[in-house]
Protein backbone atom coordinates (compact mmCIF):
# COMPACT_ATOMS: atom_id res chain seq x y z
CA MET A 1 -111.24 51.52 105.36
CA THR A 2 -107.78 50.52 106.53
CA LYS A 3 -104.60 51.42 104.68
CA ALA A 4 -104.10 47.78 103.70
CA GLN A 5 -107.60 47.60 102.21
CA ALA A 6 -107.02 50.89 100.36
CA ASP A 7 -103.79 49.45 98.87
CA ILE A 8 -105.61 46.31 97.77
CA ASN A 9 -108.47 48.30 96.20
CA ARG A 10 -106.10 50.60 94.30
CA LYS A 11 -104.07 47.71 92.91
CA LEU A 12 -107.16 45.70 91.99
CA ARG A 13 -108.62 48.73 90.22
CA THR A 14 -105.36 49.10 88.27
CA LEU A 15 -105.26 45.40 87.34
CA LYS A 16 -108.94 45.43 86.32
CA HIS A 17 -108.41 48.51 84.15
CA GLY A 18 -105.47 46.79 82.42
CA VAL A 19 -107.49 43.69 81.66
CA GLU A 20 -110.50 45.64 80.41
CA SER A 21 -108.56 48.07 78.25
CA ARG A 22 -106.12 45.40 77.01
CA ASN A 23 -103.48 48.13 76.80
CA ILE A 24 -101.04 47.85 79.69
CA ALA A 25 -98.89 50.80 78.61
CA LYS A 26 -101.85 53.22 78.70
CA THR A 27 -103.05 51.76 81.99
CA CYS A 28 -99.63 52.23 83.55
CA ARG A 29 -99.44 55.80 82.29
CA TYR A 30 -102.94 56.54 83.57
CA PHE A 31 -102.22 55.18 87.06
CA GLY A 32 -98.65 56.52 87.20
CA ILE A 33 -96.84 53.22 87.63
CA SER A 34 -94.27 51.34 85.59
CA SER A 35 -95.19 48.28 83.55
CA GLU A 36 -92.75 46.29 85.69
CA ILE A 37 -94.79 47.15 88.79
CA PHE A 38 -98.03 46.28 86.99
CA TYR A 39 -96.78 42.81 86.05
CA GLN A 40 -95.33 42.31 89.52
CA TRP A 41 -98.77 43.05 91.04
CA LYS A 42 -100.37 40.73 88.50
CA ARG A 43 -98.00 37.85 89.36
CA THR A 44 -98.39 38.42 93.09
CA TYR A 45 -102.18 38.53 92.81
CA ALA A 46 -102.19 35.29 90.81
CA GLU A 47 -99.96 33.56 93.38
CA LYS A 48 -101.22 34.92 96.71
CA GLY A 49 -104.56 36.58 96.01
CA GLU A 50 -105.57 39.83 97.70
CA SER A 51 -103.23 39.32 100.66
CA GLY A 52 -100.27 39.54 98.28
CA LEU A 53 -101.28 43.07 97.26
CA ILE A 54 -100.76 44.56 100.73
CA ASN A 55 -97.76 46.89 100.87
CA SER A 56 -95.04 45.71 103.21
CA LYS A 57 -91.92 47.48 104.33
CA PRO A 58 -88.75 46.00 102.85
CA CYS A 59 -86.84 46.36 106.11
CA PRO A 60 -87.26 47.96 109.54
CA GLU A 61 -86.30 51.60 109.93
CA ASN A 62 -82.99 52.36 111.57
CA PRO A 63 -83.42 55.11 114.19
CA LYS A 64 -79.68 55.85 114.09
CA LEU A 65 -80.13 57.23 110.56
CA ARG A 66 -83.04 59.47 111.55
CA VAL A 67 -82.44 63.23 111.26
CA PRO A 68 -83.03 64.91 114.65
CA ALA A 69 -86.53 66.43 114.92
CA PRO A 70 -85.52 70.13 115.16
CA ILE A 71 -83.37 69.84 112.04
CA ALA A 72 -86.05 67.89 110.19
CA GLU A 73 -88.54 70.67 110.98
CA LYS A 74 -86.16 73.29 109.55
CA ILE A 75 -85.56 71.20 106.42
CA LEU A 76 -89.26 70.66 105.85
CA TYR A 77 -90.00 74.35 106.44
CA LEU A 78 -87.35 75.43 103.90
CA ARG A 79 -88.56 72.87 101.37
CA GLN A 80 -92.26 73.65 101.68
CA THR A 81 -92.00 77.43 102.07
CA TYR A 82 -89.17 78.33 99.71
CA HIS A 83 -89.06 75.16 97.55
CA LEU A 84 -85.30 74.86 98.06
CA GLY A 85 -83.45 71.78 96.85
CA ALA A 86 -81.11 69.59 98.87
CA MET A 87 -77.95 71.55 98.11
CA ARG A 88 -79.43 74.92 99.06
CA ILE A 89 -81.01 73.54 102.21
CA SER A 90 -77.64 72.07 103.22
CA TRP A 91 -75.94 75.41 102.54
CA PHE A 92 -78.66 77.36 104.40
CA LEU A 93 -78.47 75.14 107.49
CA GLU A 94 -74.69 75.39 107.61
CA ARG A 95 -74.59 79.14 107.03
CA TYR A 96 -77.42 80.34 109.25
CA HIS A 97 -77.81 77.60 111.84
CA GLY A 98 -74.33 76.08 112.11
CA VAL A 99 -75.74 72.66 111.26
CA ASN A 100 -73.50 70.61 109.00
CA TYR A 101 -75.70 68.03 107.26
CA PRO A 102 -74.69 66.97 103.75
CA ALA A 103 -77.24 67.26 100.95
CA HIS A 104 -77.20 63.48 100.52
CA TRP A 105 -77.96 62.73 104.18
CA PRO A 106 -79.51 59.26 104.32
CA GLY A 107 -81.93 60.09 107.15
CA HIS A 108 -85.66 59.81 106.58
CA LEU A 109 -87.78 62.92 106.74
CA LYS A 110 -91.43 62.46 107.42
CA PRO A 111 -93.80 65.42 107.53
């Protein structure tokens, strides 16, 4: 099953559950989404069918904003091993590695 098909199945399952239960608030709580998202999926499905339920990126990624790989590895290690937050990771990198990245760095970190 492709990622697109998995997205479609998940959203259809959510929409079907909402229709069957007739309680959108409980459905949204159960599936961990907001009611706004539920109704957005419902409108999109009504307009475009299953093809409208495929997730699409809002804009292309900007490689200039990407955190360099060695720093990203250190950040992910600190986060996963010690469960540090952004401020402590920023402080740790500056203190022990001489890397000055602010806690609100806009770069994308992908594991």
